[in-house]
Amino acid sequence: MPSDCIFCQIAAGERAADVVYANDRVVAFRDIYPAAPTHILIIPRQHITGPSALNAETARVVGEMFLVAGQVAAQENLAESGYRLVVNQGADGGQSVFHMHLHVLGGRKLTWPPG
């Protein structure tokens, strides 16, 4: 775990976050700079820098992140109206924290293209 990774610190319970779901492999918490009325981040506890760092061993946790996204969306009453899932890769892709994370966005009509 990189000592300066804020998401590793959240996953380890060393930094406060508004956690909405957690298990041994993933943590879901509210984004402190929400881009929508509901904006939740889902991260693996294991430090993975982003999608390009995935391999056969780490791919399973990404599948679990998507399963948790559906659970969190239902918990947040987004399942019926709809929501968006976003994963960014690299600075030009909009990634600002280099720890794999999945955004769950909803609570309003989302436009396309996203930006």
C-alpha atoms as a PDB file:
ATOM      1  CA  MET A   1       0.000   0.000   0.000  1.00  0.00           C
ATOM      2  CA  PRO A   2       1.493   3.350  -0.976  1.00  0.00           C
ATOM      3  CA  SER A   3       1.529   5.515   2.158  1.00  0.00           C
ATOM      4  CA  ASP A   4       0.329   8.576   0.237  1.00  0.00           C
ATOM      5  CA  CYS A   5      -2.683   6.911  -1.446  1.00  0.00           C
ATOM      6  CA  ILE A   6      -5.836   8.452   0.007  1.00  0.00           C
ATOM      7  CA  PHE A   7      -7.985   5.523  -1.163  1.00  0.00           C
ATOM      8  CA  CYS A   8      -5.641   3.001   0.496  1.00  0.00           C
ATOM      9  CA  GLN A   9      -5.974   5.049   3.687  1.00  0.00           C
ATOM     10  CA  ILE A  10      -9.782   4.977   3.427  1.00  0.00           C
ATOM     11  CA  ALA A  11      -9.750   1.230   2.724  1.00  0.00           C
ATOM     12  CA  ALA A  12      -7.554   0.652   5.793  1.00  0.00           C
ATOM     13  CA  GLY A  13      -9.793   2.813   7.999  1.00  0.00           C
ATOM     14  CA  GLU A  14      -6.986   5.340   8.524  1.00  0.00           C
ATOM     15  CA  ARG A  15      -8.928   8.202   6.935  1.00  0.00           C
ATOM     16  CA  ALA A  16     -12.576   9.085   7.526  1.00  0.00           C
ATOM     17  CA  ALA A  17     -15.127   8.532   4.786  1.00  0.00           C
ATOM     18  CA  ASP A  18     -18.913   8.251   4.578  1.00  0.00           C
ATOM     19  CA  VAL A  19     -18.900   4.505   3.901  1.00  0.00           C
ATOM     20  CA  VAL A  20     -22.111   3.046   2.462  1.00  0.00           C
ATOM     21  CA  TYR A  21     -20.845  -0.514   1.903  1.00  0.00           C
ATOM     22  CA  ALA A  22     -17.757  -2.525   2.804  1.00  0.00           C
ATOM     23  CA  ASN A  23     -16.555  -6.106   2.777  1.00  0.00           C
ATOM     24  CA  ASP A  24     -13.136  -7.797   2.798  1.00  0.00           C
ATOM     25  CA  ARG A  25     -12.412  -6.860  -0.828  1.00  0.00           C
ATOM     26  CA  VAL A  26     -14.153  -3.536  -1.636  1.00  0.00           C
ATOM     27  CA  VAL A  27     -15.296  -0.306   0.024  1.00  0.00           C
ATOM     28  CA  ALA A  28     -17.982   2.104  -1.236  1.00  0.00           C
ATOM     29  CA  PHE A  29     -18.184   5.661   0.062  1.00  0.00           C
ATOM     30  CA  ARG A  30     -19.637   9.044  -0.860  1.00  0.00           C
ATOM     31  CA  ASP A  31     -17.447  11.296  -3.008  1.00  0.00           C
ATOM     32  CA  ILE A  32     -16.470  14.497  -1.167  1.00  0.00           C
ATOM     33  CA  TYR A  33     -16.742  16.453  -4.458  1.00  0.00           C
ATOM     34  CA  PRO A  34     -19.972  15.040  -5.906  1.00  0.00           C
ATOM     35  CA  ALA A  35     -20.699  15.504  -9.602  1.00  0.00           C
ATOM     36  CA  ALA A  36     -24.336  14.434  -9.108  1.00  0.00           C
ATOM     37  CA  PRO A  37     -26.806  14.344  -6.202  1.00  0.00           C
ATOM     38  CA  THR A  38     -25.652  10.771  -5.553  1.00  0.00           C
ATOM     39  CA  HIS A  39     -21.952  10.160  -6.206  1.00  0.00           C
ATOM     40  CA  ILE A  40     -20.419   7.072  -4.663  1.00  0.00           C
ATOM     41  CA  LEU A  41     -16.950   5.659  -5.251  1.00  0.00           C
ATOM     42  CA  ILE A  42     -16.280   1.934  -5.099  1.00  0.00           C
ATOM     43  CA  ILE A  43     -12.658   0.908  -4.582  1.00  0.00           C
ATOM     44  CA  PRO A  44     -10.801  -2.345  -4.126  1.00  0.00           C
ATOM     45  CA  ARG A  45      -8.998  -2.633  -0.791  1.00  0.00           C
ATOM     46  CA  GLN A  46      -5.983  -3.829  -2.765  1.00  0.00           C
ATOM     47  CA  HIS A  47      -3.992  -1.027  -4.393  1.00  0.00           C
ATOM     48  CA  ILE A  48      -4.472  -1.276  -8.163  1.00  0.00           C
ATOM     49  CA  THR A  49      -3.477   1.913  -9.992  1.00  0.00           C
ATOM     50  CA  GLY A  50      -6.212   1.715 -12.628  1.00  0.00           C
ATOM     51  CA  PRO A  51      -7.747  -0.345 -15.430  1.00  0.00           C
ATOM     52  CA  SER A  52      -4.481  -0.627 -17.350  1.00  0.00           C
ATOM     53  CA  ALA A  53      -2.882  -2.350 -14.336  1.00  0.00           C
ATOM     54  CA  LEU A  54      -5.447  -5.155 -14.235  1.00  0.00           C
ATOM     55  CA  ASN A  55      -4.410  -8.756 -14.742  1.00  0.00           C
ATOM     56  CA  ALA A  56      -6.075 -12.153 -14.411  1.00  0.00           C
ATOM     57  CA  GLU A  57      -5.581 -12.088 -10.637  1.00  0.00           C
ATOM     58  CA  THR A  58      -7.034  -8.606 -10.040  1.00  0.00           C
ATOM     59  CA  ALA A  59      -9.855  -8.757 -12.597  1.00  0.00           C
ATOM     60  CA  ARG A  60     -12.138 -10.662 -10.216  1.00  0.00           C
ATOM     61  CA  VAL A  61     -12.324  -7.740  -7.770  1.00  0.00           C
ATOM     62  CA  VAL A  62     -13.396  -5.431 -10.616  1.00  0.00           C
ATOM     63  CA  GLY A  63     -16.345  -7.740 -11.309  1.00  0.00           C
ATOM     64  CA  GLU A  64     -17.225  -7.523  -7.639  1.00  0.00           C
ATOM     65  CA  MET A  65     -17.033  -3.717  -7.807  1.00  0.00           C
ATOM     66  CA  PHE A  66     -19.724  -3.776 -10.528  1.00  0.00           C
ATOM     67  CA  LEU A  67     -21.907  -6.140  -8.487  1.00  0.00           C
ATOM     68  CA  VAL A  68     -21.583  -3.812  -5.495  1.00  0.00           C
ATOM     69  CA  ALA A  69     -22.471  -0.867  -7.754  1.00  0.00           C
ATOM     70  CA  GLY A  70     -25.836  -2.478  -8.478  1.00  0.00           C
ATOM     71  CA  GLN A  71     -26.427  -3.098  -4.775  1.00  0.00           C
ATOM     72  CA  VAL A  72     -25.459   0.456  -3.841  1.00  0.00           C
ATOM     73  CA  ALA A  73     -27.630   1.897  -6.624  1.00  0.00           C
ATOM     74  CA  ALA A  74     -30.624  -0.038  -5.281  1.00  0.00           C
ATOM     75  CA  GLN A  75     -29.798   1.041  -1.716  1.00  0.00           C
ATOM     76  CA  GLU A  76     -29.680   4.684  -2.881  1.00  0.00           C
ATOM     77  CA  ASN A  77     -32.992   4.345  -4.806  1.00  0.00           C
ATOM     78  CA  LEU A  78     -31.332   4.824  -8.206  1.00  0.00           C
ATOM     79  CA  ALA A  79     -32.113   1.454  -9.759  1.00  0.00           C
ATOM     80  CA  GLU A  80     -35.472   2.407 -11.263  1.00  0.00           C
ATOM     81  CA  SER A  81     -34.629   5.902 -12.542  1.00  0.00           C
ATOM     82  CA  GLY A  82     -31.138   4.976 -13.693  1.00  0.00           C
ATOM     83  CA  TYR A  83     -27.537   5.763 -12.940  1.00  0.00           C
ATOM     84  CA  ARG A  84     -24.143   5.938 -14.605  1.00  0.00           C
ATOM     85  CA  LEU A  85     -21.007   3.920 -13.869  1.00  0.00           C
ATOM     86  CA  VAL A  86     -17.675   5.524 -14.787  1.00  0.00           C
ATOM     87  CA  VAL A  87     -14.088   4.304 -14.627  1.00  0.00           C
ATOM     88  CA  ASN A  88     -11.300   6.697 -15.614  1.00  0.00           C
ATOM     89  CA  GLN A  89      -7.794   5.726 -16.727  1.00  0.00           C
ATOM     90  CA  GLY A  90      -4.886   8.166 -16.595  1.00  0.00           C
ATOM     91  CA  ALA A  91      -4.763  11.924 -16.270  1.00  0.00           C
ATOM     92  CA  ASP A  92      -6.178  12.583 -19.755  1.00  0.00           C
ATOM     93  CA  GLY A  93      -9.031  10.171 -18.971  1.00  0.00           C
ATOM     94  CA  GLY A  94      -9.944  12.176 -15.884  1.00  0.00           C
ATOM     95  CA  GLN A  95      -8.314   9.978 -13.243  1.00  0.00           C
ATOM     96  CA  SER A  96      -7.146  12.141 -10.329  1.00  0.00           C
ATOM     97  CA  VAL A  97      -6.523   9.427  -7.710  1.00  0.00           C
ATOM     98  CA  PHE A  98      -4.367   6.630  -9.065  1.00  0.00           C
ATOM     99  CA  HIS A  99      -6.150   3.813  -7.261  1.00  0.00           C
ATOM    100  CA  MET A 100      -8.762   1.920  -9.268  1.00  0.00           C
ATOM    101  CA  HIS A 101     -12.242   3.273  -8.559  1.00  0.00           C
ATOM    102  CA  LEU A 102     -15.736   3.057  -9.975  1.00  0.00           C
ATOM    103  CA  HIS A 103     -18.029   6.091  -9.837  1.00  0.00           C
ATOM    104  CA  VAL A 104     -21.756   5.537  -9.275  1.00  0.00           C
ATOM    105  CA  LEU A 105     -23.579   8.706 -10.369  1.00  0.00           C
ATOM    106  CA  GLY A 106     -27.298   9.376 -10.194  1.00  0.00           C
ATOM    107  CA  GLY A 107     -30.123  11.334  -8.688  1.00  0.00           C
ATOM    108  CA  ARG A 108     -30.693  13.526 -11.764  1.00  0.00           C
ATOM    109  CA  LYS A 109     -30.864  13.158 -15.540  1.00  0.00           C
ATOM    110  CA  LEU A 110     -27.306  12.710 -16.777  1.00  0.00           C
ATOM    111  CA  THR A 111     -26.331  14.150 -20.162  1.00  0.00           C
ATOM    112  CA  TRP A 112     -24.173  12.705 -22.930  1.00  0.00           C
ATOM    113  CA  PRO A 113     -21.397  13.106 -23.849  1.00  0.00           C
ATOM    114  CA  PRO A 114     -20.085  13.430 -20.302  1.00  0.00           C
ATOM    115  CA  GLY A 115     -17.315  15.910 -21.018  1.00  0.00           C
END
